[in-house]
Each structure stands twice: as C-alpha cells, then as structure tokens.
PDB file of N, CA and C in Angstrom:
ATOM      1  N   MET A   1       2.374 178.767 188.310  1.00  0.00           N
ATOM      2  CA  MET A   1       3.218 177.608 188.089  1.00  0.00           C
ATOM      3  C   MET A   1       3.021 176.621 189.247  1.00  0.00           C
ATOM      4  N   LYS A   2       2.760 175.366 188.925  1.00  0.00           N
ATOM      5  CA  LYS A   2       2.559 174.338 189.942  1.00  0.00           C
ATOM      6  C   LYS A   2       3.897 173.965 190.573  1.00  0.00           C
ATOM      7  N   LYS A   3       3.827 173.669 191.879  1.00  0.00           N
ATOM      8  CA  LYS A   3       5.037 173.344 192.638  1.00  0.00           C
ATOM      9  C   LYS A   3       5.083 171.860 192.946  1.00  0.00           C
ATOM     10  N   ILE A   4       6.272 171.276 192.785  1.00  0.00           N
ATOM     11  CA  ILE A   4       6.492 169.884 193.140  1.00  0.00           C
ATOM     12  C   ILE A   4       7.645 169.798 194.132  1.00  0.00           C
ATOM     13  N   LEU A   5       7.458 168.976 195.140  1.00  0.00           N
ATOM     14  CA  LEU A   5       8.532 168.669 196.087  1.00  0.00           C
ATOM     15  C   LEU A   5       8.955 167.244 195.812  1.00  0.00           C
ATOM     16  N   THR A   6      10.211 167.051 195.446  1.00  0.00           N
ATOM     17  CA  THR A   6      10.736 165.711 195.228  1.00  0.00           C
ATOM     18  C   THR A   6      11.632 165.344 196.411  1.00  0.00           C
ATOM     19  N   ILE A   7      11.301 164.247 197.051  1.00  0.00           N
ATOM     20  CA  ILE A   7      12.033 163.777 198.234  1.00  0.00           C
ATOM     21  C   ILE A   7      12.789 162.529 197.815  1.00  0.00           C
ATOM     22  N   GLU A   8      14.098 162.678 197.632  1.00  0.00           N
ATOM     23  CA  GLU A   8      14.939 161.622 197.060  1.00  0.00           C
ATOM     24  C   GLU A   8      16.322 161.706 197.671  1.00  0.00           C
ATOM     25  N   ASP A   9      16.857 160.566 198.140  1.00  0.00           N
ATOM     26  CA  ASP A   9      18.167 160.587 198.786  1.00  0.00           C
ATOM     27  C   ASP A   9      19.329 160.394 197.816  1.00  0.00           C
ATOM     28  N   ASP A  10      19.075 159.966 196.606  1.00  0.00           N
ATOM     29  CA  ASP A  10      20.130 159.783 195.612  1.00  0.00           C
ATOM     30  C   ASP A  10      20.333 161.125 194.901  1.00  0.00           C
ATOM     31  N   ALA A  11      21.480 161.752 195.146  1.00  0.00           N
ATOM     32  CA  ALA A  11      21.731 163.103 194.621  1.00  0.00           C
ATOM     33  C   ALA A  11      21.651 163.149 193.095  1.00  0.00           C
ATOM     34  N   PHE A  12      22.182 162.140 192.425  1.00  0.00           N
ATOM     35  CA  PHE A  12      22.152 162.105 190.968  1.00  0.00           C
ATOM     36  C   PHE A  12      20.714 162.060 190.461  1.00  0.00           C
ATOM     37  N   LEU A  13      19.918 161.157 191.003  1.00  0.00           N
ATOM     38  CA  LEU A  13      18.525 161.036 190.587  1.00  0.00           C
ATOM     39  C   LEU A  13      17.727 162.286 190.964  1.00  0.00           C
ATOM     40  N   LYS A  14      18.003 162.842 192.138  1.00  0.00           N
ATOM     41  CA  LYS A  14      17.315 164.062 192.577  1.00  0.00           C
ATOM     42  C   LYS A  14      17.550 165.190 191.571  1.00  0.00           C
ATOM     43  N   ASN A  15      18.786 165.324 191.097  1.00  0.00           N
ATOM     44  CA  ASN A  15      19.115 166.384 190.136  1.00  0.00           C
ATOM     45  C   ASN A  15      18.469 166.135 188.776  1.00  0.00           C
ATOM     46  N   ILE A  16      18.419 164.878 188.355  1.00  0.00           N
ATOM     47  CA  ILE A  16      17.766 164.539 187.085  1.00  0.00           C
ATOM     48  C   ILE A  16      16.270 164.856 187.173  1.00  0.00           C
ATOM     49  N   GLU A  17      15.639 164.452 188.279  1.00  0.00           N
ATOM     50  CA  GLU A  17      14.220 164.739 188.476  1.00  0.00           C
ATOM     51  C   GLU A  17      13.962 166.243 188.465  1.00  0.00           C
ATOM     52  N   ALA A  18      14.778 166.989 189.210  1.00  0.00           N
ATOM     53  CA  ALA A  18      14.587 168.447 189.302  1.00  0.00           C
ATOM     54  C   ALA A  18      14.703 169.094 187.926  1.00  0.00           C
ATOM     55  N   THR A  19      15.679 168.667 187.145  1.00  0.00           N
ATOM     56  CA  THR A  19      15.857 169.214 185.795  1.00  0.00           C
ATOM     57  C   THR A  19      14.655 168.898 184.917  1.00  0.00           C
ATOM     58  N   LYS A  20      14.229 167.639 184.941  1.00  0.00           N
ATOM     59  CA  LYS A  20      13.090 167.224 184.113  1.00  0.00           C
ATOM     60  C   LYS A  20      11.825 167.990 184.499  1.00  0.00           C
ATOM     61  N   PHE A  21      11.560 168.096 185.800  1.00  0.00           N
ATOM     62  CA  PHE A  21      10.345 168.771 186.244  1.00  0.00           C
ATOM     63  C   PHE A  21      10.386 170.266 185.934  1.00  0.00           C
ATOM     64  N   SER A  22      11.547 170.883 186.076  1.00  0.00           N
ATOM     65  CA  SER A  22      11.686 172.308 185.730  1.00  0.00           C
ATOM     66  C   SER A  22      11.418 172.524 184.247  1.00  0.00           C
ATOM     67  N   LYS A  23      11.996 171.666 183.408  1.00  0.00           N
ATOM     68  CA  LYS A  23      11.785 171.778 181.962  1.00  0.00           C
ATOM     69  C   LYS A  23      10.333 171.488 181.581  1.00  0.00           C
ATOM     70  N   SER A  24       9.624 170.784 182.465  1.00  0.00           N
ATOM     71  CA  SER A  24       8.212 170.471 182.211  1.00  0.00           C
ATOM     72  C   SER A  24       7.278 171.543 182.756  1.00  0.00           C
ATOM     73  N   GLY A  25       7.856 172.640 183.271  1.00  0.00           N
ATOM     74  CA  GLY A  25       7.054 173.775 183.690  1.00  0.00           C
ATOM     75  C   GLY A  25       6.679 173.828 185.157  1.00  0.00           C
ATOM     76  N   PHE A  26       7.351 173.043 185.992  1.00  0.00           N
ATOM     77  CA  PHE A  26       7.073 173.058 187.427  1.00  0.00           C
ATOM     78  C   PHE A  26       8.114 173.865 188.179  1.00  0.00           C
ATOM     79  N   GLU A  27       7.682 174.466 189.277  1.00  0.00           N
ATOM     80  CA  GLU A  27       8.613 175.015 190.251  1.00  0.00           C
ATOM     81  C   GLU A  27       9.014 173.829 191.130  1.00  0.00           C
ATOM     82  N   VAL A  28      10.304 173.614 191.314  1.00  0.00           N
ATOM     83  CA  VAL A  28      10.781 172.398 191.978  1.00  0.00           C
ATOM     84  C   VAL A  28      11.526 172.716 193.267  1.00  0.00           C
ATOM     85  N   ALA A  29      11.154 171.996 194.317  1.00  0.00           N
ATOM     86  CA  ALA A  29      11.919 171.988 195.556  1.00  0.00           C
ATOM     87  C   ALA A  29      12.375 170.552 195.770  1.00  0.00           C
ATOM     88  N   THR A  30      13.552 170.388 196.380  1.00  0.00           N
ATOM     89  CA  THR A  30      14.061 169.047 196.616  1.00  0.00           C
ATOM     90  C   THR A  30      14.410 168.871 198.082  1.00  0.00           C
ATOM     91  N   ALA A  31      14.355 167.623 198.515  1.00  0.00           N
ATOM     92  CA  ALA A  31      14.697 167.289 199.894  1.00  0.00           C
ATOM     93  C   ALA A  31      15.350 165.913 199.909  1.00  0.00           C
ATOM     94  N   MET A  32      16.306 165.732 200.820  1.00  0.00           N
ATOM     95  CA  MET A  32      16.970 164.438 200.953  1.00  0.00           C
ATOM     96  C   MET A  32      16.789 163.838 202.347  1.00  0.00           C
ATOM     97  N   THR A  33      16.457 164.673 203.322  1.00  0.00           N
ATOM     98  CA  THR A  33      16.334 164.228 204.711  1.00  0.00           C
ATOM     99  C   THR A  33      15.034 164.758 205.305  1.00  0.00           C
ATOM    100  N   LYS A  34      14.678 164.272 206.478  1.00  0.00           N
ATOM    101  CA  LYS A  34      13.478 164.763 207.159  1.00  0.00           C
ATOM    102  C   LYS A  34      13.596 166.258 207.430  1.00  0.00           C
ATOM    103  N   ALA A  35      14.772 166.710 207.840  1.00  0.00           N
ATOM    104  CA  ALA A  35      14.974 168.143 208.097  1.00  0.00           C
ATOM    105  C   ALA A  35      14.750 168.959 206.826  1.00  0.00           C
ATOM    106  N   ASP A  36      15.222 168.448 205.682  1.00  0.00           N
ATOM    107  CA  ASP A  36      14.998 169.125 204.402  1.00  0.00           C
ATOM    108  C   ASP A  36      13.506 169.212 204.092  1.00  0.00           C
ATOM    109  N   VAL A  37      12.791 168.111 204.335  1.00  0.00           N
ATOM    110  CA  VAL A  37      11.350 168.081 204.080  1.00  0.00           C
ATOM    111  C   VAL A  37      10.653 169.113 204.958  1.00  0.00           C
ATOM    112  N   ASP A  38      10.977 169.098 206.252  1.00  0.00           N
ATOM    113  CA  ASP A  38      10.352 170.036 207.188  1.00  0.00           C
ATOM    114  C   ASP A  38      10.618 171.480 206.782  1.00  0.00           C
ATOM    115  N   HIS A  39      11.861 171.780 206.396  1.00  0.00           N
ATOM    116  CA  HIS A  39      12.226 173.141 205.980  1.00  0.00           C
ATOM    117  C   HIS A  39      11.458 173.540 204.719  1.00  0.00           C
ATOM    118  N   SER A  40      11.413 172.644 203.748  1.00  0.00           N
ATOM    119  CA  SER A  40      10.732 172.947 202.496  1.00  0.00           C
ATOM    120  C   SER A  40       9.250 173.224 202.732  1.00  0.00           C
ATOM    121  N   LEU A  41       8.604 172.386 203.541  1.00  0.00           N
ATOM    122  CA  LEU A  41       7.174 172.562 203.803  1.00  0.00           C
ATOM    123  C   LEU A  41       6.889 173.798 204.645  1.00  0.00           C
ATOM    124  N   ALA A  42       7.857 174.226 205.444  1.00  0.00           N
ATOM    125  CA  ALA A  42       7.682 175.436 206.258  1.00  0.00           C
ATOM    126  C   ALA A  42       7.765 176.696 205.403  1.00  0.00           C
ATOM    127  N   THR A  43       8.443 176.607 204.254  1.00  0.00           N
ATOM    128  CA  THR A  43       8.643 177.782 203.419  1.00  0.00           C
ATOM    129  C   THR A  43       7.733 177.839 202.198  1.00  0.00           C
ATOM    130  N   SER A  44       7.159 176.683 201.807  1.00  0.00           N
ATOM    131  CA  SER A  44       6.329 176.649 200.605  1.00  0.00           C
ATOM    132  C   SER A  44       5.449 175.398 200.629  1.00  0.00           C
ATOM    133  N   THR A  45       4.259 175.523 200.095  1.00  0.00           N
ATOM    134  CA  THR A  45       3.362 174.373 200.020  1.00  0.00           C
ATOM    135  C   THR A  45       3.334 173.861 198.583  1.00  0.00           C
ATOM    136  N   PRO A  46       3.791 172.629 198.379  1.00  0.00           N
ATOM    137  CA  PRO A  46       3.778 172.087 197.016  1.00  0.00           C
ATOM    138  C   PRO A  46       2.370 171.664 196.598  1.00  0.00           C
ATOM    139  N   ASP A  47       2.179 171.548 195.287  1.00  0.00           N
ATOM    140  CA  ASP A  47       0.916 171.038 194.759  1.00  0.00           C
ATOM    141  C   ASP A  47       0.913 169.517 194.725  1.00  0.00           C
ATOM    142  N   ILE A  48       2.113 168.927 194.692  1.00  0.00           N
ATOM    143  CA  ILE A  48       2.266 167.479 194.656  1.00  0.00           C
ATOM    144  C   ILE A  48       3.652 167.116 195.196  1.00  0.00           C
ATOM    145  N   ILE A  49       3.765 165.909 195.724  1.00  0.00           N
ATOM    146  CA  ILE A  49       5.033 165.438 196.289  1.00  0.00           C
ATOM    147  C   ILE A  49       5.394 164.109 195.645  1.00  0.00           C
ATOM    148  N   LEU A  50       6.660 163.982 195.246  1.00  0.00           N
ATOM    149  CA  LEU A  50       7.223 162.731 194.758  1.00  0.00           C
ATOM    150  C   LEU A  50       8.112 162.199 195.869  1.00  0.00           C
ATOM    151  N   LEU A  51       7.791 161.029 196.408  1.00  0.00           N
ATOM    152  CA  LEU A  51       8.421 160.529 197.635  1.00  0.00           C
ATOM    153  C   LEU A  51       9.111 159.192 197.426  1.00  0.00           C
ATOM    154  N   ASP A  52      10.396 159.145 197.709  1.00  0.00           N
ATOM    155  CA  ASP A  52      11.142 157.884 197.746  1.00  0.00           C
ATOM    156  C   ASP A  52      10.878 157.225 199.097  1.00  0.00           C
ATOM    157  N   MET A  53      10.923 155.906 199.147  1.00  0.00           N
ATOM    158  CA  MET A  53      10.686 155.214 200.417  1.00  0.00           C
ATOM    159  C   MET A  53      11.941 155.106 201.275  1.00  0.00           C
ATOM    160  N   MET A  54      13.105 155.104 200.634  1.00  0.00           N
ATOM    161  CA  MET A  54      14.344 154.921 201.388  1.00  0.00           C
ATOM    162  C   MET A  54      15.108 156.236 201.473  1.00  0.00           C
ATOM    163  N   LEU A  55      15.155 156.786 202.669  1.00  0.00           N
ATOM    164  CA  LEU A  55      15.864 158.034 202.924  1.00  0.00           C
ATOM    165  C   LEU A  55      16.906 157.767 204.008  1.00  0.00           C
ATOM    166  N   PRO A  56      17.913 158.622 204.139  1.00  0.00           N
ATOM    167  CA  PRO A  56      18.999 158.313 205.077  1.00  0.00           C
ATOM    168  C   PRO A  56      18.607 158.331 206.552  1.00  0.00           C
ATOM    169  N   ASP A  57      17.622 159.149 206.922  1.00  0.00           N
ATOM    170  CA  ASP A  57      17.345 159.305 208.348  1.00  0.00           C
ATOM    171  C   ASP A  57      15.930 158.919 208.754  1.00  0.00           C
ATOM    172  N   VAL A  58      15.077 158.629 207.788  1.00  0.00           N
ATOM    173  CA  VAL A  58      13.690 158.284 208.065  1.00  0.00           C
ATOM    174  C   VAL A  58      13.165 157.554 206.827  1.00  0.00           C
ATOM    175  N   ASP A  59      12.194 156.679 207.012  1.00  0.00           N
ATOM    176  CA  ASP A  59      11.692 156.037 205.797  1.00  0.00           C
ATOM    177  C   ASP A  59      10.490 156.812 205.251  1.00  0.00           C
ATOM    178  N   GLY A  60      10.226 156.588 203.981  1.00  0.00           N
ATOM    179  CA  GLY A  60       9.159 157.310 203.303  1.00  0.00           C
ATOM    180  C   GLY A  60       7.793 157.088 203.934  1.00  0.00           C
ATOM    181  N   TYR A  61       7.597 155.924 204.528  1.00  0.00           N
ATOM    182  CA  TYR A  61       6.322 155.640 205.185  1.00  0.00           C
ATOM    183  C   TYR A  61       6.076 156.631 206.319  1.00  0.00           C
ATOM    184  N   GLN A  62       7.111 156.916 207.108  1.00  0.00           N
ATOM    185  CA  GLN A  62       6.971 157.878 208.208  1.00  0.00           C
ATOM    186  C   GLN A  62       6.682 159.278 207.668  1.00  0.00           C
ATOM    187  N   ILE A  63       7.357 159.649 206.587  1.00  0.00           N
ATOM    188  CA  ILE A  63       7.102 160.958 205.965  1.00  0.00           C
ATOM    189  C   ILE A  63       5.643 161.031 205.509  1.00  0.00           C
ATOM    190  N   LEU A  64       5.178 159.985 204.833  1.00  0.00           N
ATOM    191  CA  LEU A  64       3.805 159.962 204.341  1.00  0.00           C
ATOM    192  C   LEU A  64       2.803 160.043 205.494  1.00  0.00           C
ATOM    193  N   GLN A  65       3.043 159.290 206.545  1.00  0.00           N
ATOM    194  CA  GLN A  65       2.156 159.351 207.710  1.00  0.00           C
ATOM    195  C   GLN A  65       2.096 160.761 208.283  1.00  0.00           C
ATOM    196  N   ASN A  66       3.261 161.412 208.401  1.00  0.00           N
ATOM    197  CA  ASN A  66       3.311 162.777 208.925  1.00  0.00           C
ATOM    198  C   ASN A  66       2.556 163.744 208.019  1.00  0.00           C
ATOM    199  N   LEU A  67       2.725 163.599 206.712  1.00  0.00           N
ATOM    200  CA  LEU A  67       2.039 164.468 205.765  1.00  0.00           C
ATOM    201  C   LEU A  67       0.528 164.325 205.895  1.00  0.00           C
ATOM    202  N   LYS A  68       0.062 163.094 205.972  1.00  0.00           N
ATOM    203  CA  LYS A  68      -1.383 162.840 206.002  1.00  0.00           C
ATOM    204  C   LYS A  68      -2.003 163.157 207.363  1.00  0.00           C
ATOM    205  N   ALA A  69      -1.189 163.248 208.415  1.00  0.00           N
ATOM    206  CA  ALA A  69      -1.693 163.591 209.749  1.00  0.00           C
ATOM    207  C   ALA A  69      -1.745 165.102 209.984  1.00  0.00           C
ATOM    208  N   ASN A  70      -1.128 165.875 209.086  1.00  0.00           N
ATOM    209  CA  ASN A  70      -1.035 167.323 209.244  1.00  0.00           C
ATOM    210  C   ASN A  70      -2.104 168.007 208.387  1.00  0.00           C
ATOM    211  N   ASP A  71      -2.919 168.844 209.007  1.00  0.00           N
ATOM    212  CA  ASP A  71      -3.993 169.529 208.270  1.00  0.00           C
ATOM    213  C   ASP A  71      -3.473 170.354 207.091  1.00  0.00           C
ATOM    214  N   ALA A  72      -2.279 170.899 207.219  1.00  0.00           N
ATOM    215  CA  ALA A  72      -1.728 171.755 206.161  1.00  0.00           C
ATOM    216  C   ALA A  72      -1.261 170.954 204.939  1.00  0.00           C
ATOM    217  N   THR A  73      -0.979 169.652 205.114  1.00  0.00           N
ATOM    218  CA  THR A  73      -0.421 168.864 204.011  1.00  0.00           C
ATOM    219  C   THR A  73      -1.234 167.622 203.655  1.00  0.00           C
ATOM    220  N   LYS A  74      -2.284 167.346 204.405  1.00  0.00           N
ATOM    221  CA  LYS A  74      -2.988 166.072 204.223  1.00  0.00           C
ATOM    222  C   LYS A  74      -3.644 165.914 202.858  1.00  0.00           C
ATOM    223  N   ASN A  75      -3.957 167.011 202.187  1.00  0.00           N
ATOM    224  CA  ASN A  75      -4.619 166.918 200.883  1.00  0.00           C
ATOM    225  C   ASN A  75      -3.670 167.012 199.689  1.00  0.00           C
ATOM    226  N   ILE A  76      -2.372 167.120 199.944  1.00  0.00           N
ATOM    227  CA  ILE A  76      -1.399 167.164 198.856  1.00  0.00           C
ATOM    228  C   ILE A  76      -1.215 165.744 198.320  1.00  0.00           C
ATOM    229  N   PRO A  77      -1.431 165.536 197.026  1.00  0.00           N
ATOM    230  CA  PRO A  77      -1.210 164.190 196.475  1.00  0.00           C
ATOM    231  C   PRO A  77       0.260 163.805 196.577  1.00  0.00           C
ATOM    232  N   VAL A  78       0.491 162.545 196.947  1.00  0.00           N
ATOM    233  CA  VAL A  78       1.852 162.022 197.076  1.00  0.00           C
ATOM    234  C   VAL A  78       2.002 160.831 196.142  1.00  0.00           C
ATOM    235  N   ILE A  79       2.986 160.910 195.254  1.00  0.00           N
ATOM    236  CA  ILE A  79       3.354 159.779 194.415  1.00  0.00           C
ATOM    237  C   ILE A  79       4.569 159.128 195.060  1.00  0.00           C
ATOM    238  N   VAL A  80       4.445 157.874 195.436  1.00  0.00           N
ATOM    239  CA  VAL A  80       5.592 157.147 195.951  1.00  0.00           C
ATOM    240  C   VAL A  80       6.366 156.652 194.733  1.00  0.00           C
ATOM    241  N   PHE A  81       7.655 156.966 194.693  1.00  0.00           N
ATOM    242  CA  PHE A  81       8.538 156.617 193.569  1.00  0.00           C
ATOM    243  C   PHE A  81       9.728 155.893 194.157  1.00  0.00           C
ATOM    244  N   SER A  82       9.698 154.568 194.094  1.00  0.00           N
ATOM    245  CA  SER A  82      10.676 153.765 194.811  1.00  0.00           C
ATOM    246  C   SER A  82      10.990 152.492 194.046  1.00  0.00           C
ATOM    247  N   ASN A  83      12.125 151.886 194.362  1.00  0.00           N
ATOM    248  CA  ASN A  83      12.426 150.569 193.819  1.00  0.00           C
ATOM    249  C   ASN A  83      11.917 149.467 194.731  1.00  0.00           C
ATOM    250  N   LEU A  84      11.473 149.815 195.934  1.00  0.00           N
ATOM    251  CA  LEU A  84      10.826 148.827 196.782  1.00  0.00           C
ATOM    252  C   LEU A  84       9.449 148.589 196.180  1.00  0.00           C
ATOM    253  N   SER A  85       9.154 147.357 195.852  1.00  0.00           N
ATOM    254  CA  SER A  85       7.918 147.145 195.105  1.00  0.00           C
ATOM    255  C   SER A  85       7.156 145.893 195.524  1.00  0.00           C
ATOM    256  N   SER A  86       7.418 145.396 196.709  1.00  0.00           N
ATOM    257  CA  SER A  86       6.668 144.227 197.153  1.00  0.00           C
ATOM    258  C   SER A  86       5.203 144.608 197.323  1.00  0.00           C
ATOM    259  N   ASP A  87       4.333 143.633 197.231  1.00  0.00           N
ATOM    260  CA  ASP A  87       2.910 143.890 197.437  1.00  0.00           C
ATOM    261  C   ASP A  87       2.667 144.537 198.791  1.00  0.00           C
ATOM    262  N   THR A  88       3.452 144.120 199.783  1.00  0.00           N
ATOM    263  CA  THR A  88       3.326 144.673 201.133  1.00  0.00           C
ATOM    264  C   THR A  88       3.677 146.158 201.147  1.00  0.00           C
ATOM    265  N   ASP A  89       4.783 146.524 200.484  1.00  0.00           N
ATOM    266  CA  ASP A  89       5.191 147.936 200.425  1.00  0.00           C
ATOM    267  C   ASP A  89       4.131 148.781 199.728  1.00  0.00           C
ATOM    268  N   VAL A  90       3.644 148.296 198.595  1.00  0.00           N
ATOM    269  CA  VAL A  90       2.655 149.050 197.828  1.00  0.00           C
ATOM    270  C   VAL A  90       1.380 149.231 198.654  1.00  0.00           C
ATOM    271  N   LYS A  91       0.883 148.154 199.246  1.00  0.00           N
ATOM    272  CA  LYS A  91      -0.346 148.224 200.048  1.00  0.00           C
ATOM    273  C   LYS A  91      -0.174 149.173 201.229  1.00  0.00           C
ATOM    274  N   LYS A  92       0.964 149.074 201.908  1.00  0.00           N
ATOM    275  CA  LYS A  92       1.228 149.918 203.077  1.00  0.00           C
ATOM    276  C   LYS A  92       1.174 151.407 202.704  1.00  0.00           C
ATOM    277  N   MET A  93       1.820 151.769 201.603  1.00  0.00           N
ATOM    278  CA  MET A  93       1.871 153.173 201.192  1.00  0.00           C
ATOM    279  C   MET A  93       0.518 153.652 200.659  1.00  0.00           C
ATOM    280  N   MET A  94      -0.157 152.817 199.913  1.00  0.00           N
ATOM    281  CA  MET A  94      -1.470 153.214 199.400  1.00  0.00           C
ATOM    282  C   MET A  94      -2.471 153.349 200.550  1.00  0.00           C
ATOM    283  N   ASP A  95      -2.420 152.420 201.502  1.00  0.00           N
ATOM    284  CA  ASP A  95      -3.309 152.499 202.671  1.00  0.00           C
ATOM    285  C   ASP A  95      -3.034 153.741 203.509  1.00  0.00           C
ATOM    286  N   ALA A  96      -1.772 154.204 203.490  1.00  0.00           N
ATOM    287  CA  ALA A  96      -1.391 155.387 204.269  1.00  0.00           C
ATOM    288  C   ALA A  96      -1.787 156.688 203.564  1.00  0.00           C
ATOM    289  N   GLY A  97      -2.269 156.580 202.323  1.00  0.00           N
ATOM    290  CA  GLY A  97      -2.765 157.785 201.664  1.00  0.00           C
ATOM    291  C   GLY A  97      -2.045 158.207 200.397  1.00  0.00           C
ATOM    292  N   ALA A  98      -1.107 157.392 199.893  1.00  0.00           N
ATOM    293  CA  ALA A  98      -0.431 157.750 198.642  1.00  0.00           C
ATOM    294  C   ALA A  98      -1.448 157.788 197.503  1.00  0.00           C
ATOM    295  N   ALA A  99      -1.271 158.724 196.593  1.00  0.00           N
ATOM    296  CA  ALA A  99      -2.148 158.839 195.431  1.00  0.00           C
ATOM    297  C   ALA A  99      -1.761 157.834 194.352  1.00  0.00           C
ATOM    298  N   ALA A 100      -0.479 157.451 194.334  1.00  0.00           N
ATOM    299  CA  ALA A 100       0.020 156.498 193.342  1.00  0.00           C
ATOM    300  C   ALA A 100       1.322 155.902 193.859  1.00  0.00           C
ATOM    301  N   PHE A 101       1.641 154.730 193.370  1.00  0.00           N
ATOM    302  CA  PHE A 101       2.907 154.066 193.686  1.00  0.00           C
ATOM    303  C   PHE A 101       3.530 153.670 192.356  1.00  0.00           C
ATOM    304  N   MET A 102       4.713 154.223 192.085  1.00  0.00           N
ATOM    305  CA  MET A 102       5.393 153.957 190.826  1.00  0.00           C
ATOM    306  C   MET A 102       6.787 153.414 191.115  1.00  0.00           C
ATOM    307  N   VAL A 103       7.100 152.273 190.518  1.00  0.00           N
ATOM    308  CA  VAL A 103       8.399 151.633 190.717  1.00  0.00           C
ATOM    309  C   VAL A 103       9.407 152.283 189.768  1.00  0.00           C
ATOM    310  N   LYS A 104      10.513 152.774 190.332  1.00  0.00           N
ATOM    311  CA  LYS A 104      11.495 153.531 189.547  1.00  0.00           C
ATOM    312  C   LYS A 104      11.925 152.810 188.280  1.00  0.00           C
ATOM    313  N   SER A 105      12.189 151.523 188.393  1.00  0.00           N
ATOM    314  CA  SER A 105      12.703 150.786 187.239  1.00  0.00           C
ATOM    315  C   SER A 105      11.639 150.539 186.165  1.00  0.00           C
ATOM    316  N   ASN A 106      10.377 150.814 186.458  1.00  0.00           N
ATOM    317  CA  ASN A 106       9.297 150.530 185.517  1.00  0.00           C
ATOM    318  C   ASN A 106       8.757 151.764 184.791  1.00  0.00           C
ATOM    319  N   PHE A 107       9.188 152.960 185.188  1.00  0.00           N
ATOM    320  CA  PHE A 107       8.629 154.182 184.616  1.00  0.00           C
ATOM    321  C   PHE A 107       9.722 155.162 184.229  1.00  0.00           C
ATOM    322  N   THR A 108       9.479 155.901 183.133  1.00  0.00           N
ATOM    323  CA  THR A 108      10.377 156.976 182.734  1.00  0.00           C
ATOM    324  C   THR A 108       9.935 158.266 183.425  1.00  0.00           C
ATOM    325  N   LEU A 109      10.794 159.253 183.421  1.00  0.00           N
ATOM    326  CA  LEU A 109      10.406 160.542 183.993  1.00  0.00           C
ATOM    327  C   LEU A 109       9.279 161.186 183.184  1.00  0.00           C
ATOM    328  N   ASP A 110       9.213 160.925 181.885  1.00  0.00           N
ATOM    329  CA  ASP A 110       8.084 161.422 181.089  1.00  0.00           C
ATOM    330  C   ASP A 110       6.772 160.837 181.610  1.00  0.00           C
ATOM    331  N   GLU A 111       6.786 159.563 181.967  1.00  0.00           N
ATOM    332  CA  GLU A 111       5.580 158.925 182.505  1.00  0.00           C
ATOM    333  C   GLU A 111       5.223 159.487 183.885  1.00  0.00           C
ATOM    334  N   ILE A 112       6.241 159.847 184.666  1.00  0.00           N
ATOM    335  CA  ILE A 112       5.994 160.482 185.967  1.00  0.00           C
ATOM    336  C   ILE A 112       5.318 161.838 185.744  1.00  0.00           C
ATOM    337  N   VAL A 113       5.824 162.601 184.784  1.00  0.00           N
ATOM    338  CA  VAL A 113       5.225 163.907 184.476  1.00  0.00           C
ATOM    339  C   VAL A 113       3.769 163.726 184.035  1.00  0.00           C
ATOM    340  N   GLU A 114       3.499 162.714 183.225  1.00  0.00           N
ATOM    341  CA  GLU A 114       2.116 162.431 182.816  1.00  0.00           C
ATOM    342  C   GLU A 114       1.237 162.146 184.031  1.00  0.00           C
ATOM    343  N   LYS A 115       1.742 161.354 184.978  1.00  0.00           N
ATOM    344  CA  LYS A 115       0.978 161.016 186.191  1.00  0.00           C
ATOM    345  C   LYS A 115       0.734 162.280 187.019  1.00  0.00           C
ATOM    346  N   ILE A 116       1.736 163.151 187.114  1.00  0.00           N
ATOM    347  CA  ILE A 116       1.578 164.405 187.850  1.00  0.00           C
ATOM    348  C   ILE A 116       0.453 165.237 187.224  1.00  0.00           C
ATOM    349  N   HIS A 117       0.492 165.358 185.905  1.00  0.00           N
ATOM    350  CA  HIS A 117      -0.562 166.113 185.206  1.00  0.00           C
ATOM    351  C   HIS A 117      -1.930 165.483 185.468  1.00  0.00           C
ATOM    352  N   GLU A 118      -1.987 164.170 185.466  1.00  0.00           N
ATOM    353  CA  GLU A 118      -3.251 163.465 185.721  1.00  0.00           C
ATOM    354  C   GLU A 118      -3.774 163.779 187.121  1.00  0.00           C
ATOM    355  N   LEU A 119      -2.882 163.821 188.093  1.00  0.00           N
ATOM    356  CA  LEU A 119      -3.305 164.006 189.485  1.00  0.00           C
ATOM    357  C   LEU A 119      -3.632 165.454 189.848  1.00  0.00           C
ATOM    358  N   ILE A 120      -2.908 166.412 189.266  1.00  0.00           N
ATOM    359  CA  ILE A 120      -3.136 167.799 189.675  1.00  0.00           C
ATOM    360  C   ILE A 120      -3.601 168.697 188.529  1.00  0.00           C
ATOM    361  N   GLY A 121      -3.791 168.125 187.364  1.00  0.00           N
ATOM    362  CA  GLY A 121      -4.311 168.900 186.257  1.00  0.00           C
ATOM    363  C   GLY A 121      -3.401 170.008 185.788  1.00  0.00           C
ATOM    364  N   ALA A 122      -2.122 169.834 185.984  1.00  0.00           N
ATOM    365  CA  ALA A 122      -1.160 170.879 185.586  1.00  0.00           C
ATOM    366  C   ALA A 122      -0.940 170.870 184.087  1.00  0.00           C
TER     367      ALA A 122
END
C-alpha cells in the first residue's frame, strides 16, 4: 500500500483529505506543524507528500527546502496544494523541487488522487 503524508493546517480539510486518500487505497499520515512533519518522517517514509504552503509555525517553502536538502526525502514527489497561487508562489515552489502545484479552489480531491497516481504509479 502506497503511503501519503498530507501536511495541512486546516483540521477540517486535513480530515477530508485523509478520508478520501484512505478510501482511495493509501496509507495516510497527517501533519499540521513542523514538529508533526519531523515526527512523521522519523517514523515512516511516504511515497508522496501533499503540502500546503501556509502552516502555523513554518511556511511550506521551508518544509519543501528541508525535504529536498535531505538525502532520505529528496526524491519523494511533493504536490503543493495551496490557495496561494501567484505566479511568484508557483515558480518559487516548482524551482524548489515540487512535482506539481495545485490550487485548492481549482481541483477536486478526485483530481488530486489522479495526480498522485500519475506521479507515483499507485
């Protein structure tokens, strides 16, 4: 079973994502803070990460930079899933190594699952 780590600070959306991904056949871990991310990655390596840009204690860009700088996580595809959608935000995240950038208001969770399958062949 493929593992997904969803990093989302909105508890309602985090729970909806976790439910959808579980029903789609993924093992799901969730994180809301940098400490949650660090703990999750210390206990399990996901096959893909869904990353929000706005978190309570750190921004998604810093998380992405840390992931791509670490040998253990640098090859994990990261989908940025955010409502921040300026050209600058998209370019910054893609340049930092994101596999995809999806604007929350423009995509359904079914479309996110399709993108996950496309990226990791699940």
